[in-house]
Amino acid sequence: MGRPVLFNPSLERDMKDWCDEDGAKRLVDKINSYWSERGYDVDVNLIDAGFVPAMRSARTDVRSNMVNGMPMRRAAGEAGGERPSYRPREQGESAIA
């Protein structure tokens, strides 16, 4: 027999509601600051989807330019911020360095 699940008020206070407009704004700030601290430039926007009958509430979507949760580019001026230019191999140059 498993242990009973007890109500933990401090845990309830720590849980965030990311689904309402204020929560979505907090999430945007959290995402921006996380990636900015790591030297990445991400674009995160809020899209107001309005009332959704299936959810019986309003919805705010968080959209970004990230792919699979990873940023596309480093912030300007950061080391490795620019993509290396293409340089074809010279004849006789090995593909394995």
PDB file of N, CA and C in Angstrom:
ATOM      1  N   MET A   1       0.852  -1.182   0.000  1.00  0.00           N
ATOM      2  CA  MET A   1       0.000   0.000   0.000  1.00  0.00           C
ATOM      3  C   MET A   1       0.894   1.241   0.000  1.00  0.00           C
ATOM      4  N   GLY A   2       0.633   2.202  -0.899  1.00  0.00           N
ATOM      5  CA  GLY A   2       1.442   3.408  -1.028  1.00  0.00           C
ATOM      6  C   GLY A   2       1.183   4.405   0.084  1.00  0.00           C
ATOM      7  N   ARG A   3       2.078   5.349   0.189  1.00  0.00           N
ATOM      8  CA  ARG A   3       1.925   6.397   1.182  1.00  0.00           C
ATOM      9  C   ARG A   3       0.823   7.350   0.743  1.00  0.00           C
ATOM     10  N   PRO A   4       0.044   7.877   1.687  1.00  0.00           N
ATOM     11  CA  PRO A   4      -1.016   8.818   1.309  1.00  0.00           C
ATOM     12  C   PRO A   4      -0.417  10.138   0.819  1.00  0.00           C
ATOM     13  N   VAL A   5      -1.089  10.764  -0.123  1.00  0.00           N
ATOM     14  CA  VAL A   5      -0.663  12.062  -0.637  1.00  0.00           C
ATOM     15  C   VAL A   5      -1.193  13.130   0.310  1.00  0.00           C
ATOM     16  N   LEU A   6      -0.292  13.908   0.869  1.00  0.00           N
ATOM     17  CA  LEU A   6      -0.680  14.952   1.804  1.00  0.00           C
ATOM     18  C   LEU A   6      -0.672  16.300   1.116  1.00  0.00           C
ATOM     19  N   PHE A   7      -1.574  17.169   1.528  1.00  0.00           N
ATOM     20  CA  PHE A   7      -1.621  18.522   0.989  1.00  0.00           C
ATOM     21  C   PHE A   7      -0.460  19.318   1.559  1.00  0.00           C
ATOM     22  N   ASN A   8       0.298  19.960   0.702  1.00  0.00           N
ATOM     23  CA  ASN A   8       1.449  20.752   1.130  1.00  0.00           C
ATOM     24  C   ASN A   8       1.233  22.194   0.676  1.00  0.00           C
ATOM     25  N   PRO A   9       0.788  23.086   1.579  1.00  0.00           N
ATOM     26  CA  PRO A   9       0.485  24.464   1.167  1.00  0.00           C
ATOM     27  C   PRO A   9       1.686  25.213   0.601  1.00  0.00           C
ATOM     28  N   SER A  10       2.890  24.945   1.113  1.00  0.00           N
ATOM     29  CA  SER A  10       4.055  25.663   0.586  1.00  0.00           C
ATOM     30  C   SER A  10       4.328  25.236  -0.853  1.00  0.00           C
ATOM     31  N   LEU A  11       4.098  23.979  -1.167  1.00  0.00           N
ATOM     32  CA  LEU A  11       4.263  23.501  -2.536  1.00  0.00           C
ATOM     33  C   LEU A  11       3.233  24.153  -3.449  1.00  0.00           C
ATOM     34  N   GLU A  12       2.033  24.299  -2.966  1.00  0.00           N
ATOM     35  CA  GLU A  12       0.961  24.939  -3.737  1.00  0.00           C
ATOM     36  C   GLU A  12       1.332  26.387  -4.062  1.00  0.00           C
ATOM     37  N   ARG A  13       1.934  27.112  -3.093  1.00  0.00           N
ATOM     38  CA  ARG A  13       2.331  28.504  -3.324  1.00  0.00           C
ATOM     39  C   ARG A  13       3.449  28.586  -4.353  1.00  0.00           C
ATOM     40  N   ASP A  14       4.350  27.601  -4.362  1.00  0.00           N
ATOM     41  CA  ASP A  14       5.493  27.628  -5.269  1.00  0.00           C
ATOM     42  C   ASP A  14       5.107  27.285  -6.701  1.00  0.00           C
ATOM     43  N   MET A  15       3.982  26.613  -6.887  1.00  0.00           N
ATOM     44  CA  MET A  15       3.557  26.249  -8.242  1.00  0.00           C
ATOM     45  C   MET A  15       3.092  27.503  -8.960  1.00  0.00           C
ATOM     46  N   LYS A  16       3.511  27.651 -10.200  1.00  0.00           N
ATOM     47  CA  LYS A  16       3.167  28.832 -10.979  1.00  0.00           C
ATOM     48  C   LYS A  16       2.092  28.467 -12.006  1.00  0.00           C
ATOM     49  N   ASP A  17       1.230  29.429 -12.275  1.00  0.00           N
ATOM     50  CA  ASP A  17       0.240  29.244 -13.329  1.00  0.00           C
ATOM     51  C   ASP A  17       0.780  29.952 -14.562  1.00  0.00           C
ATOM     52  N   TRP A  18       1.278  29.190 -15.528  1.00  0.00           N
ATOM     53  CA  TRP A  18       1.850  29.752 -16.743  1.00  0.00           C
ATOM     54  C   TRP A  18       0.791  29.969 -17.817  1.00  0.00           C
ATOM     55  N   CYS A  19      -0.459  29.578 -17.547  1.00  0.00           N
ATOM     56  CA  CYS A  19      -1.484  29.583 -18.591  1.00  0.00           C
ATOM     57  C   CYS A  19      -2.219  30.906 -18.738  1.00  0.00           C
ATOM     58  N   ASP A  20      -2.271  31.725 -17.695  1.00  0.00           N
ATOM     59  CA  ASP A  20      -2.963  33.004 -17.838  1.00  0.00           C
ATOM     60  C   ASP A  20      -1.996  34.047 -18.392  1.00  0.00           C
ATOM     61  N   GLU A  21      -2.492  35.244 -18.656  1.00  0.00           N
ATOM     62  CA  GLU A  21      -1.661  36.272 -19.289  1.00  0.00           C
ATOM     63  C   GLU A  21      -0.474  36.668 -18.419  1.00  0.00           C
ATOM     64  N   ASP A  22      -0.694  36.835 -17.119  1.00  0.00           N
ATOM     65  CA  ASP A  22       0.406  37.200 -16.222  1.00  0.00           C
ATOM     66  C   ASP A  22       1.444  36.087 -16.160  1.00  0.00           C
ATOM     67  N   GLY A  23       0.996  34.851 -16.107  1.00  0.00           N
ATOM     68  CA  GLY A  23       1.913  33.720 -16.081  1.00  0.00           C
ATOM     69  C   GLY A  23       2.712  33.611 -17.363  1.00  0.00           C
ATOM     70  N   ALA A  24       2.054  33.869 -18.494  1.00  0.00           N
ATOM     71  CA  ALA A  24       2.755  33.826 -19.781  1.00  0.00           C
ATOM     72  C   ALA A  24       3.817  34.915 -19.846  1.00  0.00           C
ATOM     73  N   LYS A  25       3.527  36.108 -19.301  1.00  0.00           N
ATOM     74  CA  LYS A  25       4.521  37.190 -19.266  1.00  0.00           C
ATOM     75  C   LYS A  25       5.707  36.799 -18.397  1.00  0.00           C
ATOM     76  N   ARG A  26       5.431  36.163 -17.249  1.00  0.00           N
ATOM     77  CA  ARG A  26       6.522  35.696 -16.380  1.00  0.00           C
ATOM     78  C   ARG A  26       7.364  34.640 -17.093  1.00  0.00           C
ATOM     79  N   LEU A  27       6.704  33.769 -17.846  1.00  0.00           N
ATOM     80  CA  LEU A  27       7.416  32.733 -18.581  1.00  0.00           C
ATOM     81  C   LEU A  27       8.318  33.332 -19.658  1.00  0.00           C
ATOM     82  N   VAL A  28       7.824  34.344 -20.373  1.00  0.00           N
ATOM     83  CA  VAL A  28       8.634  35.035 -21.385  1.00  0.00           C
ATOM     84  C   VAL A  28       9.871  35.644 -20.731  1.00  0.00           C
ATOM     85  N   ASP A  29       9.681  36.314 -19.594  1.00  0.00           N
ATOM     86  CA  ASP A  29      10.823  36.917 -18.890  1.00  0.00           C
ATOM     87  C   ASP A  29      11.817  35.849 -18.442  1.00  0.00           C
ATOM     88  N   LYS A  30      11.303  34.744 -17.954  1.00  0.00           N
ATOM     89  CA  LYS A  30      12.162  33.656 -17.478  1.00  0.00           C
ATOM     90  C   LYS A  30      12.971  33.051 -18.625  1.00  0.00           C
ATOM     91  N   ILE A  31      12.331  32.820 -19.773  1.00  0.00           N
ATOM     92  CA  ILE A  31      13.021  32.269 -20.939  1.00  0.00           C
ATOM     93  C   ILE A  31      14.081  33.240 -21.442  1.00  0.00           C
ATOM     94  N   ASN A  32      13.706  34.517 -21.582  1.00  0.00           N
ATOM     95  CA  ASN A  32      14.658  35.524 -22.058  1.00  0.00           C
ATOM     96  C   ASN A  32      15.869  35.639 -21.136  1.00  0.00           C
ATOM     97  N   SER A  33      15.647  35.698 -19.829  1.00  0.00           N
ATOM     98  CA  SER A  33      16.772  35.850 -18.906  1.00  0.00           C
ATOM     99  C   SER A  33      17.643  34.598 -18.883  1.00  0.00           C
ATOM    100  N   TYR A  34      17.035  33.409 -18.965  1.00  0.00           N
ATOM    101  CA  TYR A  34      17.804  32.161 -18.968  1.00  0.00           C
ATOM    102  C   TYR A  34      18.794  32.135 -20.127  1.00  0.00           C
ATOM    103  N   TRP A  35      18.292  32.395 -21.338  1.00  0.00           N
ATOM    104  CA  TRP A  35      19.166  32.310 -22.509  1.00  0.00           C
ATOM    105  C   TRP A  35      20.105  33.501 -22.610  1.00  0.00           C
ATOM    106  N   SER A  36      19.692  34.662 -22.140  1.00  0.00           N
ATOM    107  CA  SER A  36      20.555  35.839 -22.155  1.00  0.00           C
ATOM    108  C   SER A  36      21.772  35.624 -21.253  1.00  0.00           C
ATOM    109  N   GLU A  37      21.565  35.012 -20.093  1.00  0.00           N
ATOM    110  CA  GLU A  37      22.670  34.723 -19.176  1.00  0.00           C
ATOM    111  C   GLU A  37      23.689  33.776 -19.814  1.00  0.00           C
ATOM    112  N   ARG A  38      23.244  32.983 -20.770  1.00  0.00           N
ATOM    113  CA  ARG A  38      24.120  32.013 -21.432  1.00  0.00           C
ATOM    114  C   ARG A  38      24.658  32.531 -22.769  1.00  0.00           C
ATOM    115  N   GLY A  39      24.377  33.816 -23.064  1.00  0.00           N
ATOM    116  CA  GLY A  39      24.935  34.446 -24.259  1.00  0.00           C
ATOM    117  C   GLY A  39      24.150  34.215 -25.537  1.00  0.00           C
ATOM    118  N   TYR A  40      22.865  33.866 -25.424  1.00  0.00           N
ATOM    119  CA  TYR A  40      22.054  33.629 -26.613  1.00  0.00           C
ATOM    120  C   TYR A  40      20.998  34.707 -26.773  1.00  0.00           C
ATOM    121  N   ASP A  41      20.680  35.003 -28.009  1.00  0.00           N
ATOM    122  CA  ASP A  41      19.660  35.982 -28.356  1.00  0.00           C
ATOM    123  C   ASP A  41      18.432  35.223 -28.838  1.00  0.00           C
ATOM    124  N   VAL A  42      17.336  35.286 -28.087  1.00  0.00           N
ATOM    125  CA  VAL A  42      16.103  34.616 -28.488  1.00  0.00           C
ATOM    126  C   VAL A  42      14.980  35.640 -28.599  1.00  0.00           C
ATOM    127  N   ASP A  43      14.057  35.384 -29.490  1.00  0.00           N
ATOM    128  CA  ASP A  43      12.861  36.208 -29.637  1.00  0.00           C
ATOM    129  C   ASP A  43      11.686  35.413 -29.097  1.00  0.00           C
ATOM    130  N   VAL A  44      11.065  35.913 -28.021  1.00  0.00           N
ATOM    131  CA  VAL A  44       9.918  35.250 -27.410  1.00  0.00           C
ATOM    132  C   VAL A  44       8.781  36.257 -27.382  1.00  0.00           C
ATOM    133  N   ASN A  45       7.620  35.857 -27.898  1.00  0.00           N
ATOM    134  CA  ASN A  45       6.474  36.760 -28.000  1.00  0.00           C
ATOM    135  C   ASN A  45       5.233  36.124 -27.402  1.00  0.00           C
ATOM    136  N   LEU A  46       4.300  36.991 -27.005  1.00  0.00           N
ATOM    137  CA  LEU A  46       2.994  36.538 -26.529  1.00  0.00           C
ATOM    138  C   LEU A  46       1.970  36.746 -27.631  1.00  0.00           C
ATOM    139  N   ILE A  47       1.139  35.751 -27.850  1.00  0.00           N
ATOM    140  CA  ILE A  47       0.058  35.830 -28.829  1.00  0.00           C
ATOM    141  C   ILE A  47      -1.248  35.611 -28.079  1.00  0.00           C
ATOM    142  N   ASP A  48      -2.112  36.613 -28.097  1.00  0.00           N
ATOM    143  CA  ASP A  48      -3.405  36.498 -27.431  1.00  0.00           C
ATOM    144  C   ASP A  48      -4.340  35.692 -28.320  1.00  0.00           C
ATOM    145  N   ALA A  49      -4.694  34.500 -27.881  1.00  0.00           N
ATOM    146  CA  ALA A  49      -5.565  33.626 -28.667  1.00  0.00           C
ATOM    147  C   ALA A  49      -7.037  33.869 -28.353  1.00  0.00           C
ATOM    148  N   GLY A  50      -7.316  34.693 -27.359  1.00  0.00           N
ATOM    149  CA  GLY A  50      -8.699  34.985 -27.015  1.00  0.00           C
ATOM    150  C   GLY A  50      -9.381  33.815 -26.316  1.00  0.00           C
ATOM    151  N   PHE A  51     -10.703  33.863 -26.279  1.00  0.00           N
ATOM    152  CA  PHE A  51     -11.473  32.822 -25.603  1.00  0.00           C
ATOM    153  C   PHE A  51     -11.493  31.558 -26.458  1.00  0.00           C
ATOM    154  N   VAL A  52     -11.216  30.437 -25.817  1.00  0.00           N
ATOM    155  CA  VAL A  52     -11.230  29.143 -26.502  1.00  0.00           C
ATOM    156  C   VAL A  52     -12.354  28.313 -25.889  1.00  0.00           C
ATOM    157  N   PRO A  53     -13.428  28.056 -26.661  1.00  0.00           N
ATOM    158  CA  PRO A  53     -14.571  27.330 -26.098  1.00  0.00           C
ATOM    159  C   PRO A  53     -14.205  25.960 -25.519  1.00  0.00           C
ATOM    160  N   ALA A  54     -13.303  25.248 -26.165  1.00  0.00           N
ATOM    161  CA  ALA A  54     -12.942  23.914 -25.671  1.00  0.00           C
ATOM    162  C   ALA A  54     -12.293  23.986 -24.289  1.00  0.00           C
ATOM    163  N   MET A  55     -11.525  25.038 -24.052  1.00  0.00           N
ATOM    164  CA  MET A  55     -10.865  25.210 -22.752  1.00  0.00           C
ATOM    165  C   MET A  55     -11.758  25.954 -21.763  1.00  0.00           C
ATOM    166  N   ARG A  56     -12.763  26.613 -22.285  1.00  0.00           N
ATOM    167  CA  ARG A  56     -13.675  27.443 -21.498  1.00  0.00           C
ATOM    168  C   ARG A  56     -12.924  28.545 -20.765  1.00  0.00           C
ATOM    169  N   SER A  57     -11.898  29.074 -21.439  1.00  0.00           N
ATOM    170  CA  SER A  57     -11.118  30.181 -20.874  1.00  0.00           C
ATOM    171  C   SER A  57     -10.347  30.863 -21.997  1.00  0.00           C
ATOM    172  N   ALA A  58      -9.756  31.994 -21.663  1.00  0.00           N
ATOM    173  CA  ALA A  58      -8.900  32.691 -22.620  1.00  0.00           C
ATOM    174  C   ALA A  58      -7.532  32.029 -22.599  1.00  0.00           C
ATOM    175  N   ARG A  59      -6.811  32.173 -23.694  1.00  0.00           N
ATOM    176  CA  ARG A  59      -5.496  31.546 -23.791  1.00  0.00           C
ATOM    177  C   ARG A  59      -4.496  32.552 -24.328  1.00  0.00           C
ATOM    178  N   THR A  60      -3.293  32.532 -23.780  1.00  0.00           N
ATOM    179  CA  THR A  60      -2.191  33.335 -24.282  1.00  0.00           C
ATOM    180  C   THR A  60      -1.075  32.380 -24.657  1.00  0.00           C
ATOM    181  N   ASP A  61      -0.671  32.415 -25.926  1.00  0.00           N
ATOM    182  CA  ASP A  61       0.387  31.520 -26.405  1.00  0.00           C
ATOM    183  C   ASP A  61       1.733  32.199 -26.285  1.00  0.00           C
ATOM    184  N   VAL A  62       2.758  31.405 -25.988  1.00  0.00           N
ATOM    185  CA  VAL A  62       4.136  31.876 -25.952  1.00  0.00           C
ATOM    186  C   VAL A  62       4.822  31.297 -27.180  1.00  0.00           C
ATOM    187  N   ARG A  63       5.304  32.159 -28.064  1.00  0.00           N
ATOM    188  CA  ARG A  63       5.961  31.723 -29.300  1.00  0.00           C
ATOM    189  C   ARG A  63       7.390  32.240 -29.314  1.00  0.00           C
ATOM    190  N   SER A  64       8.282  31.457 -29.906  1.00  0.00           N
ATOM    191  CA  SER A  64       9.672  31.880 -29.974  1.00  0.00           C
ATOM    192  C   SER A  64      10.295  31.452 -31.289  1.00  0.00           C
ATOM    193  N   ASN A  65      11.513  31.944 -31.521  1.00  0.00           N
ATOM    194  CA  ASN A  65      12.251  31.555 -32.723  1.00  0.00           C
ATOM    195  C   ASN A  65      13.181  30.377 -32.436  1.00  0.00           C
ATOM    196  N   MET A  66      13.010  29.732 -31.288  1.00  0.00           N
ATOM    197  CA  MET A  66      13.847  28.587 -30.947  1.00  0.00           C
ATOM    198  C   MET A  66      13.362  27.344 -31.702  1.00  0.00           C
ATOM    199  N   VAL A  67      14.277  26.408 -31.905  1.00  0.00           N
ATOM    200  CA  VAL A  67      13.944  25.152 -32.561  1.00  0.00           C
ATOM    201  C   VAL A  67      14.195  24.039 -31.559  1.00  0.00           C
ATOM    202  N   ASN A  68      13.157  23.279 -31.262  1.00  0.00           N
ATOM    203  CA  ASN A  68      13.240  22.212 -30.259  1.00  0.00           C
ATOM    204  C   ASN A  68      13.781  22.730 -28.930  1.00  0.00           C
ATOM    205  N   GLY A  69      13.394  23.947 -28.570  1.00  0.00           N
ATOM    206  CA  GLY A  69      13.788  24.522 -27.298  1.00  0.00           C
ATOM    207  C   GLY A  69      15.198  25.085 -27.250  1.00  0.00           C
ATOM    208  N   MET A  70      15.876  25.108 -28.389  1.00  0.00           N
ATOM    209  CA  MET A  70      17.249  25.624 -28.428  1.00  0.00           C
ATOM    210  C   MET A  70      17.301  26.884 -29.284  1.00  0.00           C
ATOM    211  N   PRO A  71      18.065  27.895 -28.835  1.00  0.00           N
ATOM    212  CA  PRO A  71      18.167  29.145 -29.602  1.00  0.00           C
ATOM    213  C   PRO A  71      18.889  28.946 -30.919  1.00  0.00           C
ATOM    214  N   MET A  72      18.592  29.829 -31.860  1.00  0.00           N
ATOM    215  CA  MET A  72      19.168  29.755 -33.198  1.00  0.00           C
ATOM    216  C   MET A  72      20.521  30.451 -33.294  1.00  0.00           C
ATOM    217  N   ARG A  73      20.755  31.498 -32.487  1.00  0.00           N
ATOM    218  CA  ARG A  73      21.992  32.274 -32.632  1.00  0.00           C
ATOM    219  C   ARG A  73      22.445  32.825 -31.287  1.00  0.00           C
ATOM    220  N   ARG A  74      23.750  33.077 -31.202  1.00  0.00           N
ATOM    221  CA  ARG A  74      24.321  33.721 -30.021  1.00  0.00           C
ATOM    222  C   ARG A  74      24.078  35.230 -30.118  1.00  0.00           C
ATOM    223  N   ALA A  75      24.167  35.892 -28.996  1.00  0.00           N
ATOM    224  CA  ALA A  75      23.999  37.348 -28.969  1.00  0.00           C
ATOM    225  C   ALA A  75      25.128  38.006 -29.740  1.00  0.00           C
ATOM    226  N   ALA A  76      24.850  39.150 -30.334  1.00  0.00           N
ATOM    227  CA  ALA A  76      25.859  39.875 -31.111  1.00  0.00           C
ATOM    228  C   ALA A  76      27.049  40.211 -30.232  1.00  0.00           C
ATOM    229  N   GLY A  77      28.242  40.036 -30.768  1.00  0.00           N
ATOM    230  CA  GLY A  77      29.453  40.354 -30.035  1.00  0.00           C
ATOM    231  C   GLY A  77      29.973  39.227 -29.161  1.00  0.00           C
ATOM    232  N   GLU A  78      29.217  38.156 -29.012  1.00  0.00           N
ATOM    233  CA  GLU A  78      29.664  37.022 -28.201  1.00  0.00           C
ATOM    234  C   GLU A  78      30.599  36.144 -29.015  1.00  0.00           C
ATOM    235  N   ALA A  79      31.489  35.471 -28.351  1.00  0.00           N
ATOM    236  CA  ALA A  79      32.385  34.538 -29.032  1.00  0.00           C
ATOM    237  C   ALA A  79      31.558  33.437 -29.679  1.00  0.00           C
ATOM    238  N   GLY A  80      31.834  33.170 -30.919  1.00  0.00           N
ATOM    239  CA  GLY A  80      31.073  32.145 -31.633  1.00  0.00           C
ATOM    240  C   GLY A  80      29.719  32.629 -32.096  1.00  0.00           C
ATOM    241  N   GLY A  81      29.481  33.946 -32.020  1.00  0.00           N
ATOM    242  CA  GLY A  81      28.177  34.493 -32.378  1.00  0.00           C
ATOM    243  C   GLY A  81      27.866  34.425 -33.860  1.00  0.00           C
ATOM    244  N   GLU A  82      28.904  34.494 -34.666  1.00  0.00           N
ATOM    245  CA  GLU A  82      28.683  34.431 -36.104  1.00  0.00           C
ATOM    246  C   GLU A  82      28.983  33.031 -36.603  1.00  0.00           C
ATOM    247  N   ARG A  83      28.266  32.633 -37.612  1.00  0.00           N
ATOM    248  CA  ARG A  83      28.521  31.326 -38.198  1.00  0.00           C
ATOM    249  C   ARG A  83      29.797  31.414 -39.021  1.00  0.00           C
ATOM    250  N   PRO A  84      30.615  30.375 -38.990  1.00  0.00           N
ATOM    251  CA  PRO A  84      31.832  30.411 -39.803  1.00  0.00           C
ATOM    252  C   PRO A  84      31.475  30.406 -41.279  1.00  0.00           C
ATOM    253  N   SER A  85      32.281  31.122 -42.066  1.00  0.00           N
ATOM    254  CA  SER A  85      32.016  31.152 -43.497  1.00  0.00           C
ATOM    255  C   SER A  85      32.479  29.838 -44.121  1.00  0.00           C
ATOM    256  N   TYR A  86      31.907  29.522 -45.241  1.00  0.00           N
ATOM    257  CA  TYR A  86      32.248  28.286 -45.941  1.00  0.00           C
ATOM    258  C   TYR A  86      33.593  28.456 -46.638  1.00  0.00           C
ATOM    259  N   ARG A  87      34.472  27.501 -46.445  1.00  0.00           N
ATOM    260  CA  ARG A  87      35.763  27.517 -47.105  1.00  0.00           C
ATOM    261  C   ARG A  87      35.979  26.136 -47.715  1.00  0.00           C
ATOM    262  N   PRO A  88      35.953  26.038 -49.041  1.00  0.00           N
ATOM    263  CA  PRO A  88      36.141  24.716 -49.655  1.00  0.00           C
ATOM    264  C   PRO A  88      37.543  24.193 -49.376  1.00  0.00           C
ATOM    265  N   ARG A  89      37.637  22.880 -49.275  1.00  0.00           N
ATOM    266  CA  ARG A  89      38.930  22.246 -49.027  1.00  0.00           C
ATOM    267  C   ARG A  89      39.821  22.372 -50.248  1.00  0.00           C
ATOM    268  N   GLU A  90      41.096  22.554 -49.989  1.00  0.00           N
ATOM    269  CA  GLU A  90      42.074  22.576 -51.068  1.00  0.00           C
ATOM    270  C   GLU A  90      42.287  21.142 -51.563  1.00  0.00           C
ATOM    271  N   GLN A  91      42.720  21.005 -52.800  1.00  0.00           N
ATOM    272  CA  GLN A  91      42.998  19.674 -53.311  1.00  0.00           C
ATOM    273  C   GLN A  91      44.091  19.025 -52.479  1.00  0.00           C
ATOM    274  N   GLY A  92      43.884  17.782 -52.139  1.00  0.00           N
ATOM    275  CA  GLY A  92      44.851  17.047 -51.350  1.00  0.00           C
ATOM    276  C   GLY A  92      44.665  17.236 -49.847  1.00  0.00           C
ATOM    277  N   GLU A  93      43.797  18.168 -49.415  1.00  0.00           N
ATOM    278  CA  GLU A  93      43.538  18.388 -47.994  1.00  0.00           C
ATOM    279  C   GLU A  93      42.595  17.295 -47.512  1.00  0.00           C
ATOM    280  N   SER A  94      42.908  16.679 -46.416  1.00  0.00           N
ATOM    281  CA  SER A  94      42.118  15.569 -45.884  1.00  0.00           C
ATOM    282  C   SER A  94      40.853  16.085 -45.228  1.00  0.00           C
ATOM    283  N   ALA A  95      39.781  15.304 -45.349  1.00  0.00           N
ATOM    284  CA  ALA A  95      38.523  15.643 -44.687  1.00  0.00           C
ATOM    285  C   ALA A  95      38.619  15.377 -43.194  1.00  0.00           C
ATOM    286  N   ILE A  96      39.516  14.504 -42.791  1.00  0.00           N
ATOM    287  CA  ILE A  96      39.687  14.180 -41.371  1.00  0.00           C
ATOM    288  C   ILE A  96      40.949  14.887 -40.887  1.00  0.00           C
ATOM    289  N   ALA A  97      40.767  15.730 -39.909  1.00  0.00           N
ATOM    290  CA  ALA A  97      41.925  16.477 -39.383  1.00  0.00           C
ATOM    291  C   ALA A  97      42.597  15.731 -38.275  1.00  0.00           C
TER     292      ALA A  97
END
